[in-house]
Amino acid sequence: MRILVAGVGNIFLSDDGFGVAVVDRLRLTGAEVVDIGIRGMHLAYRLLDGYDVLVLVDAVRRGGDPGTLHVLEHDLDAPADDPPALDAHGMDPASVLTLLDGLARSTGVEQPVGRVLVVGCEPAVLDEGIGLSPPVAAAVGPAVRAVTALVAELELVEEGARS
């Protein structure tokens, strides 16, 4: 099973750097771990290599308290938004996935990603600044453990399917 864990976010916008902080601490076997930061187009092109699962780690607003972790699954069958503006340094994950659909069709890749999971953290501050707010910084360790458990679970399911 090919799994890509991608940390997303801008470290110069306080809590937006959450995904980058998490993947910096991850030590996984069985999954590729990459700091994508704000290079959304790079992620889209990398996904054309084909992955069974993409795990995005990012700051996400869901209305919870700052530091709250969320594990979500992106609906790959949902209708795509309008094509995103191509911005090599500022595409959000939803725009990346929309771009990926078009790139895949144009290159003849049928389905570059089987599932997309998001491990997100509710941000407190998204203003200019370096460093995570205290509640988001406190969520980095639990997020590392959540991603590690998620990857292990995916590998167990794959192993069970092969048996």
N, C-alpha and C. Protein backbone atom coordinates (compact mmCIF):
# COMPACT_ATOMS: atom_id res chain seq x y z
N MET A 1 0.86 -1.17 0.00
CA MET A 1 0.00 0.00 0.00
C MET A 1 0.90 1.23 0.00
N ARG A 2 0.62 2.15 -0.90
CA ARG A 2 1.38 3.41 -0.95
C ARG A 2 0.61 4.48 -0.20
N ILE A 3 1.26 5.02 0.85
CA ILE A 3 0.66 6.05 1.67
C ILE A 3 1.58 7.26 1.66
N LEU A 4 1.01 8.43 1.40
CA LEU A 4 1.75 9.68 1.47
C LEU A 4 1.16 10.52 2.59
N VAL A 5 2.00 10.92 3.53
CA VAL A 5 1.59 11.83 4.60
C VAL A 5 2.21 13.17 4.28
N ALA A 6 1.36 14.18 4.09
CA ALA A 6 1.83 15.50 3.67
C ALA A 6 1.44 16.56 4.68
N GLY A 7 2.45 17.25 5.21
CA GLY A 7 2.22 18.38 6.08
C GLY A 7 2.02 19.62 5.24
N VAL A 8 0.91 20.32 5.47
CA VAL A 8 0.53 21.47 4.67
C VAL A 8 0.46 22.69 5.57
N GLY A 9 0.87 23.85 5.05
CA GLY A 9 0.69 25.08 5.81
C GLY A 9 1.84 26.05 5.65
N ASN A 10 1.59 27.27 6.09
CA ASN A 10 2.55 28.36 5.98
C ASN A 10 3.10 28.66 7.37
N ILE A 11 4.37 28.38 7.59
CA ILE A 11 4.97 28.57 8.91
C ILE A 11 5.07 30.04 9.30
N PHE A 12 4.84 30.96 8.36
CA PHE A 12 4.89 32.39 8.65
C PHE A 12 3.52 32.96 9.03
N LEU A 13 2.52 32.06 9.13
CA LEU A 13 1.17 32.48 9.54
C LEU A 13 0.73 31.71 10.79
N SER A 14 1.56 31.77 11.80
CA SER A 14 1.28 31.20 13.12
C SER A 14 0.77 29.76 13.02
N ASP A 15 -0.47 29.52 13.43
CA ASP A 15 -1.00 28.16 13.52
C ASP A 15 -1.18 27.47 12.17
N ASP A 16 -1.09 28.22 11.08
CA ASP A 16 -1.16 27.59 9.76
C ASP A 16 0.02 26.64 9.56
N GLY A 17 1.06 26.79 10.33
CA GLY A 17 2.23 25.92 10.24
C GLY A 17 2.07 24.59 10.98
N PHE A 18 0.88 24.30 11.46
CA PHE A 18 0.63 23.07 12.23
C PHE A 18 1.05 21.82 11.47
N GLY A 19 0.62 21.67 10.22
CA GLY A 19 0.93 20.46 9.45
C GLY A 19 2.42 20.25 9.29
N VAL A 20 3.14 21.33 9.07
CA VAL A 20 4.59 21.26 8.91
C VAL A 20 5.23 20.82 10.23
N ALA A 21 4.75 21.35 11.35
CA ALA A 21 5.29 20.99 12.67
C ALA A 21 5.07 19.51 12.96
N VAL A 22 3.92 18.98 12.57
CA VAL A 22 3.63 17.57 12.84
C VAL A 22 4.52 16.67 12.01
N VAL A 23 4.61 16.90 10.70
CA VAL A 23 5.42 15.98 9.88
C VAL A 23 6.90 16.08 10.22
N ASP A 24 7.32 17.21 10.77
CA ASP A 24 8.71 17.34 11.19
C ASP A 24 9.04 16.37 12.32
N ARG A 25 8.03 15.97 13.09
CA ARG A 25 8.25 15.06 14.22
C ARG A 25 7.89 13.61 13.90
N LEU A 26 7.32 13.35 12.73
CA LEU A 26 6.90 11.99 12.40
C LEU A 26 8.08 11.11 12.01
N ARG A 27 8.08 9.91 12.51
CA ARG A 27 9.05 8.89 12.13
C ARG A 27 8.24 7.65 11.82
N LEU A 28 7.90 7.47 10.55
CA LEU A 28 7.04 6.36 10.15
C LEU A 28 7.78 5.39 9.25
N THR A 29 7.40 4.13 9.34
CA THR A 29 7.82 3.15 8.34
C THR A 29 6.56 2.79 7.58
N GLY A 30 6.69 2.50 6.33
CA GLY A 30 5.54 2.11 5.54
C GLY A 30 4.78 3.26 4.91
N ALA A 31 5.24 4.49 5.12
CA ALA A 31 4.58 5.65 4.52
C ALA A 31 5.65 6.68 4.18
N GLU A 32 5.42 7.39 3.10
CA GLU A 32 6.28 8.52 2.75
C GLU A 32 5.77 9.73 3.53
N VAL A 33 6.67 10.49 4.11
CA VAL A 33 6.31 11.68 4.85
C VAL A 33 7.00 12.86 4.18
N VAL A 34 6.22 13.90 3.88
CA VAL A 34 6.78 15.05 3.18
C VAL A 34 6.22 16.35 3.73
N ASP A 35 7.09 17.33 3.84
CA ASP A 35 6.71 18.69 4.22
C ASP A 35 6.38 19.42 2.93
N ILE A 36 5.11 19.61 2.64
CA ILE A 36 4.69 20.31 1.43
C ILE A 36 4.66 21.80 1.68
N GLY A 37 4.35 22.20 2.91
CA GLY A 37 4.28 23.62 3.21
C GLY A 37 3.23 24.29 2.36
N ILE A 38 3.64 25.25 1.54
CA ILE A 38 2.69 25.98 0.68
C ILE A 38 2.87 25.61 -0.79
N ARG A 39 3.56 24.52 -1.07
CA ARG A 39 3.83 24.12 -2.45
C ARG A 39 2.74 23.17 -2.96
N GLY A 40 1.52 23.69 -3.08
CA GLY A 40 0.39 22.88 -3.48
C GLY A 40 0.53 22.23 -4.84
N MET A 41 1.09 22.95 -5.80
CA MET A 41 1.26 22.36 -7.14
C MET A 41 2.24 21.19 -7.09
N HIS A 42 3.27 21.31 -6.25
CA HIS A 42 4.23 20.22 -6.09
C HIS A 42 3.50 18.96 -5.59
N LEU A 43 2.60 19.14 -4.63
CA LEU A 43 1.83 18.02 -4.11
C LEU A 43 0.97 17.40 -5.21
N ALA A 44 0.29 18.22 -5.99
CA ALA A 44 -0.57 17.70 -7.06
C ALA A 44 0.23 16.85 -8.04
N TYR A 45 1.38 17.34 -8.46
CA TYR A 45 2.20 16.57 -9.40
C TYR A 45 2.76 15.32 -8.76
N ARG A 46 3.13 15.38 -7.50
CA ARG A 46 3.64 14.19 -6.81
C ARG A 46 2.57 13.11 -6.74
N LEU A 47 1.32 13.51 -6.52
CA LEU A 47 0.24 12.54 -6.41
C LEU A 47 -0.02 11.80 -7.71
N LEU A 48 0.43 12.35 -8.84
CA LEU A 48 0.26 11.65 -10.11
C LEU A 48 1.03 10.34 -10.15
N ASP A 49 1.99 10.16 -9.24
CA ASP A 49 2.73 8.89 -9.16
C ASP A 49 1.85 7.77 -8.65
N GLY A 50 0.71 8.11 -8.07
CA GLY A 50 -0.25 7.11 -7.61
C GLY A 50 -0.04 6.71 -6.16
N TYR A 51 -1.05 6.95 -5.35
CA TYR A 51 -1.03 6.57 -3.94
C TYR A 51 -2.37 5.97 -3.58
N ASP A 52 -2.33 4.98 -2.71
CA ASP A 52 -3.58 4.41 -2.21
C ASP A 52 -4.26 5.38 -1.26
N VAL A 53 -3.44 6.03 -0.41
CA VAL A 53 -3.99 6.94 0.59
C VAL A 53 -3.10 8.17 0.70
N LEU A 54 -3.73 9.33 0.75
CA LEU A 54 -3.08 10.59 1.08
C LEU A 54 -3.59 11.01 2.44
N VAL A 55 -2.67 11.26 3.37
CA VAL A 55 -3.03 11.80 4.67
C VAL A 55 -2.50 13.22 4.72
N LEU A 56 -3.40 14.18 4.71
CA LEU A 56 -3.03 15.58 4.82
C LEU A 56 -3.05 15.99 6.29
N VAL A 57 -2.04 16.73 6.71
CA VAL A 57 -2.01 17.26 8.07
C VAL A 57 -1.99 18.77 7.93
N ASP A 58 -3.01 19.42 8.52
CA ASP A 58 -3.20 20.84 8.26
C ASP A 58 -4.00 21.49 9.38
N ALA A 59 -3.97 22.80 9.42
CA ALA A 59 -4.88 23.56 10.28
C ALA A 59 -6.23 23.61 9.58
N VAL A 60 -7.29 23.30 10.32
CA VAL A 60 -8.64 23.32 9.74
C VAL A 60 -9.61 23.99 10.70
N ARG A 61 -10.45 24.84 10.15
CA ARG A 61 -11.49 25.48 10.96
C ARG A 61 -12.76 24.66 10.86
N ARG A 62 -13.18 24.14 12.02
CA ARG A 62 -14.41 23.35 12.10
C ARG A 62 -15.33 23.87 13.19
N GLY A 63 -14.94 24.98 13.83
CA GLY A 63 -15.78 25.56 14.86
C GLY A 63 -15.50 25.07 16.27
N GLY A 64 -14.43 24.31 16.45
CA GLY A 64 -14.10 23.80 17.79
C GLY A 64 -13.15 24.74 18.52
N ASP A 65 -12.77 24.32 19.70
CA ASP A 65 -11.80 25.09 20.49
C ASP A 65 -10.42 24.96 19.84
N PRO A 66 -9.60 26.02 19.93
CA PRO A 66 -8.23 25.92 19.40
C PRO A 66 -7.50 24.72 20.01
N GLY A 67 -6.81 24.00 19.14
CA GLY A 67 -6.08 22.81 19.56
C GLY A 67 -6.86 21.52 19.40
N THR A 68 -8.16 21.61 19.10
CA THR A 68 -8.97 20.41 18.89
C THR A 68 -8.53 19.71 17.61
N LEU A 69 -8.32 18.40 17.70
CA LEU A 69 -7.94 17.61 16.52
C LEU A 69 -9.17 17.02 15.86
N HIS A 70 -9.12 16.95 14.54
CA HIS A 70 -10.19 16.36 13.75
C HIS A 70 -9.57 15.37 12.78
N VAL A 71 -10.21 14.23 12.58
CA VAL A 71 -9.82 13.29 11.53
C VAL A 71 -11.00 13.21 10.59
N LEU A 72 -10.77 13.61 9.36
CA LEU A 72 -11.84 13.71 8.36
C LEU A 72 -11.46 12.91 7.13
N GLU A 73 -12.46 12.51 6.37
CA GLU A 73 -12.20 11.88 5.07
C GLU A 73 -12.81 12.75 3.99
N HIS A 74 -11.99 13.07 2.99
CA HIS A 74 -12.44 13.89 1.87
C HIS A 74 -13.23 13.01 0.91
N ASP A 75 -14.36 13.51 0.44
CA ASP A 75 -15.19 12.78 -0.51
C ASP A 75 -14.64 13.01 -1.91
N LEU A 76 -13.93 12.02 -2.43
CA LEU A 76 -13.34 12.14 -3.77
C LEU A 76 -14.39 12.13 -4.87
N ASP A 77 -15.61 11.70 -4.55
CA ASP A 77 -16.67 11.66 -5.56
C ASP A 77 -17.52 12.93 -5.57
N ALA A 78 -17.25 13.86 -4.65
CA ALA A 78 -18.01 15.12 -4.63
C ALA A 78 -17.70 15.92 -5.88
N PRO A 79 -18.68 16.68 -6.36
CA PRO A 79 -18.43 17.50 -7.55
C PRO A 79 -17.27 18.47 -7.29
N ALA A 80 -16.42 18.59 -8.29
CA ALA A 80 -15.27 19.49 -8.16
C ALA A 80 -15.71 20.94 -8.28
N ASP A 81 -15.00 21.79 -7.55
CA ASP A 81 -15.23 23.23 -7.67
C ASP A 81 -14.69 23.70 -9.00
N ASP A 82 -14.83 25.00 -9.25
CA ASP A 82 -14.22 25.57 -10.45
C ASP A 82 -12.73 25.32 -10.39
N PRO A 83 -12.07 25.19 -11.55
CA PRO A 83 -10.62 24.97 -11.54
C PRO A 83 -9.93 26.07 -10.73
N PRO A 84 -8.98 25.67 -9.88
CA PRO A 84 -8.31 26.67 -9.04
C PRO A 84 -7.37 27.53 -9.86
N ALA A 85 -7.14 28.73 -9.38
CA ALA A 85 -6.10 29.57 -9.97
C ALA A 85 -4.77 28.91 -9.66
N LEU A 86 -3.92 28.80 -10.65
CA LEU A 86 -2.63 28.16 -10.45
C LEU A 86 -1.72 29.11 -9.69
N ASP A 87 -1.41 28.71 -8.48
CA ASP A 87 -0.55 29.49 -7.61
C ASP A 87 0.41 28.52 -6.95
N ALA A 88 1.65 28.52 -7.40
CA ALA A 88 2.63 27.54 -6.92
C ALA A 88 2.89 27.65 -5.43
N HIS A 89 2.53 28.76 -4.79
CA HIS A 89 2.86 28.93 -3.38
C HIS A 89 1.66 29.23 -2.50
N GLY A 90 0.45 28.90 -2.91
CA GLY A 90 -0.65 29.26 -2.05
C GLY A 90 -1.93 28.49 -2.29
N MET A 91 -1.84 27.27 -2.79
CA MET A 91 -3.05 26.51 -3.06
C MET A 91 -3.44 25.70 -1.83
N ASP A 92 -4.69 25.83 -1.41
CA ASP A 92 -5.16 25.05 -0.28
C ASP A 92 -5.39 23.60 -0.73
N PRO A 93 -5.51 22.65 0.22
CA PRO A 93 -5.66 21.25 -0.17
C PRO A 93 -6.85 20.97 -1.08
N ALA A 94 -7.98 21.63 -0.89
CA ALA A 94 -9.13 21.40 -1.77
C ALA A 94 -8.80 21.80 -3.20
N SER A 95 -8.10 22.91 -3.37
CA SER A 95 -7.68 23.35 -4.71
C SER A 95 -6.71 22.36 -5.32
N VAL A 96 -5.82 21.81 -4.50
CA VAL A 96 -4.86 20.82 -4.99
C VAL A 96 -5.59 19.60 -5.53
N LEU A 97 -6.60 19.13 -4.80
CA LEU A 97 -7.34 17.95 -5.24
C LEU A 97 -8.14 18.23 -6.51
N THR A 98 -8.68 19.44 -6.64
CA THR A 98 -9.38 19.81 -7.86
C THR A 98 -8.40 19.85 -9.03
N LEU A 99 -7.24 20.44 -8.82
CA LEU A 99 -6.21 20.48 -9.85
C LEU A 99 -5.77 19.07 -10.22
N LEU A 100 -5.63 18.22 -9.22
CA LEU A 100 -5.20 16.85 -9.46
C LEU A 100 -6.14 16.11 -10.40
N ASP A 101 -7.44 16.31 -10.23
CA ASP A 101 -8.41 15.66 -11.13
C ASP A 101 -8.13 16.03 -12.58
N GLY A 102 -7.92 17.31 -12.85
CA GLY A 102 -7.64 17.75 -14.21
C GLY A 102 -6.31 17.23 -14.72
N LEU A 103 -5.29 17.26 -13.89
CA LEU A 103 -3.98 16.75 -14.30
C LEU A 103 -4.05 15.26 -14.61
N ALA A 104 -4.76 14.52 -13.76
CA ALA A 104 -4.87 13.08 -13.97
C ALA A 104 -5.55 12.77 -15.30
N ARG A 105 -6.65 13.48 -15.57
CA ARG A 105 -7.35 13.26 -16.85
C ARG A 105 -6.45 13.59 -18.03
N SER A 106 -5.70 14.67 -17.94
CA SER A 106 -4.87 15.09 -19.07
C SER A 106 -3.66 14.18 -19.29
N THR A 107 -3.26 13.44 -18.26
CA THR A 107 -2.11 12.54 -18.41
C THR A 107 -2.51 11.08 -18.53
N GLY A 108 -3.81 10.81 -18.50
CA GLY A 108 -4.29 9.44 -18.63
C GLY A 108 -4.20 8.62 -17.36
N VAL A 109 -3.96 9.27 -16.23
CA VAL A 109 -3.94 8.57 -14.95
C VAL A 109 -5.38 8.43 -14.48
N GLU A 110 -5.82 7.19 -14.26
CA GLU A 110 -7.23 6.98 -13.94
C GLU A 110 -7.60 7.49 -12.55
N GLN A 111 -6.91 7.05 -11.52
CA GLN A 111 -7.23 7.47 -10.16
C GLN A 111 -5.92 7.54 -9.37
N PRO A 112 -5.32 8.74 -9.27
CA PRO A 112 -4.02 8.84 -8.61
C PRO A 112 -4.06 8.65 -7.10
N VAL A 113 -5.22 8.83 -6.48
CA VAL A 113 -5.36 8.67 -5.03
C VAL A 113 -6.65 7.92 -4.74
N GLY A 114 -6.54 6.87 -3.92
CA GLY A 114 -7.72 6.10 -3.57
C GLY A 114 -8.55 6.73 -2.47
N ARG A 115 -7.88 7.25 -1.43
CA ARG A 115 -8.56 7.89 -0.30
C ARG A 115 -7.75 9.10 0.12
N VAL A 116 -8.45 10.10 0.65
CA VAL A 116 -7.80 11.27 1.22
C VAL A 116 -8.34 11.47 2.63
N LEU A 117 -7.44 11.39 3.60
CA LEU A 117 -7.78 11.62 4.99
C LEU A 117 -7.10 12.89 5.45
N VAL A 118 -7.73 13.60 6.35
CA VAL A 118 -7.17 14.85 6.86
C VAL A 118 -7.09 14.74 8.38
N VAL A 119 -5.91 14.98 8.91
CA VAL A 119 -5.74 15.14 10.35
C VAL A 119 -5.54 16.64 10.54
N GLY A 120 -6.55 17.28 11.09
CA GLY A 120 -6.53 18.73 11.19
C GLY A 120 -6.61 19.20 12.62
N CYS A 121 -6.14 20.41 12.82
CA CYS A 121 -6.17 21.02 14.14
C CYS A 121 -6.85 22.38 14.04
N GLU A 122 -7.73 22.62 14.98
CA GLU A 122 -8.42 23.91 15.05
C GLU A 122 -7.40 24.99 15.42
N PRO A 123 -7.21 26.00 14.56
CA PRO A 123 -6.23 27.04 14.87
C PRO A 123 -6.78 28.08 15.85
N ALA A 124 -5.86 28.76 16.51
CA ALA A 124 -6.23 29.89 17.36
C ALA A 124 -5.87 31.19 16.67
N VAL A 125 -4.71 31.20 15.99
CA VAL A 125 -4.18 32.42 15.37
C VAL A 125 -3.67 32.09 13.98
N LEU A 126 -4.13 32.87 12.99
CA LEU A 126 -3.64 32.70 11.62
C LEU A 126 -3.03 34.00 11.10
N ASP A 127 -2.65 34.87 12.00
CA ASP A 127 -2.02 36.14 11.63
C ASP A 127 -0.54 35.91 11.32
N GLU A 128 0.09 36.91 10.72
CA GLU A 128 1.51 36.82 10.46
C GLU A 128 2.25 36.61 11.77
N GLY A 129 3.18 35.69 11.75
CA GLY A 129 3.98 35.39 12.93
C GLY A 129 4.54 33.99 12.83
N ILE A 130 5.67 33.79 13.45
CA ILE A 130 6.30 32.48 13.44
C ILE A 130 6.07 31.83 14.79
N GLY A 131 5.65 30.59 14.76
CA GLY A 131 5.41 29.84 15.98
C GLY A 131 3.93 29.58 16.19
N LEU A 132 3.66 28.42 16.75
CA LEU A 132 2.29 28.01 17.01
C LEU A 132 1.80 28.59 18.33
N SER A 133 0.51 28.85 18.41
CA SER A 133 -0.09 29.30 19.67
C SER A 133 -0.01 28.14 20.67
N PRO A 134 -0.08 28.43 21.97
CA PRO A 134 0.03 27.36 22.97
C PRO A 134 -0.94 26.19 22.78
N PRO A 135 -2.24 26.41 22.50
CA PRO A 135 -3.11 25.24 22.36
C PRO A 135 -2.79 24.39 21.12
N VAL A 136 -2.35 25.04 20.05
CA VAL A 136 -2.02 24.29 18.83
C VAL A 136 -0.67 23.59 19.01
N ALA A 137 0.28 24.24 19.66
CA ALA A 137 1.57 23.59 19.94
C ALA A 137 1.35 22.34 20.80
N ALA A 138 0.42 22.42 21.75
CA ALA A 138 0.12 21.28 22.62
C ALA A 138 -0.53 20.13 21.85
N ALA A 139 -1.12 20.42 20.70
CA ALA A 139 -1.79 19.40 19.90
C ALA A 139 -0.84 18.67 18.95
N VAL A 140 0.39 19.14 18.80
CA VAL A 140 1.33 18.52 17.86
C VAL A 140 1.63 17.08 18.27
N GLY A 141 1.97 16.84 19.53
CA GLY A 141 2.25 15.47 19.99
C GLY A 141 1.07 14.53 19.78
N PRO A 142 -0.13 14.90 20.23
CA PRO A 142 -1.28 14.03 19.97
C PRO A 142 -1.54 13.82 18.46
N ALA A 143 -1.27 14.82 17.65
CA ALA A 143 -1.45 14.65 16.20
C ALA A 143 -0.43 13.67 15.63
N VAL A 144 0.80 13.74 16.11
CA VAL A 144 1.82 12.77 15.68
C VAL A 144 1.35 11.36 16.01
N ARG A 145 0.84 11.18 17.22
CA ARG A 145 0.34 9.86 17.62
C ARG A 145 -0.87 9.45 16.77
N ALA A 146 -1.76 10.40 16.46
CA ALA A 146 -2.94 10.09 15.65
C ALA A 146 -2.56 9.67 14.24
N VAL A 147 -1.62 10.38 13.63
CA VAL A 147 -1.18 10.03 12.27
C VAL A 147 -0.50 8.67 12.29
N THR A 148 0.35 8.43 13.29
CA THR A 148 1.05 7.15 13.40
C THR A 148 0.04 6.01 13.54
N ALA A 149 -0.98 6.18 14.38
CA ALA A 149 -2.01 5.15 14.56
C ALA A 149 -2.82 4.96 13.29
N LEU A 150 -3.13 6.05 12.61
CA LEU A 150 -3.91 5.98 11.37
C LEU A 150 -3.16 5.19 10.30
N VAL A 151 -1.87 5.47 10.14
CA VAL A 151 -1.06 4.74 9.15
C VAL A 151 -0.97 3.26 9.54
N ALA A 152 -0.76 2.97 10.82
CA ALA A 152 -0.70 1.58 11.26
C ALA A 152 -2.02 0.85 10.98
N GLU A 153 -3.14 1.53 11.22
CA GLU A 153 -4.45 0.94 10.95
C GLU A 153 -4.64 0.67 9.46
N LEU A 154 -4.23 1.61 8.62
CA LEU A 154 -4.34 1.42 7.17
C LEU A 154 -3.50 0.22 6.72
N GLU A 155 -2.31 0.09 7.30
CA GLU A 155 -1.45 -1.04 6.93
C GLU A 155 -2.04 -2.36 7.40
N LEU A 156 -2.66 -2.37 8.59
CA LEU A 156 -3.30 -3.60 9.08
C LEU A 156 -4.46 -4.01 8.19
N VAL A 157 -5.25 -3.05 7.77
CA VAL A 157 -6.37 -3.35 6.87
C VAL A 157 -5.85 -3.92 5.56
N GLU A 158 -4.79 -3.34 5.03
CA GLU A 158 -4.19 -3.84 3.79
C GLU A 158 -3.65 -5.25 3.99
N GLU A 159 -2.95 -5.48 5.11
CA GLU A 159 -2.41 -6.80 5.39
C GLU A 159 -3.52 -7.82 5.51
N GLY A 160 -4.61 -7.46 6.18
CA GLY A 160 -5.74 -8.36 6.32
C GLY A 160 -6.40 -8.66 4.98
N ALA A 161 -6.42 -7.68 4.07
CA ALA A 161 -7.02 -7.89 2.75
C ALA A 161 -6.18 -8.85 1.91
N ARG A 162 -4.86 -8.84 2.15
CA ARG A 162 -3.97 -9.74 1.38
C ARG A 162 -4.02 -11.17 1.92
N SER A 163 -4.45 -11.35 3.17
CA SER A 163 -4.45 -12.69 3.78
C SER A 163 -5.57 -13.54 3.28
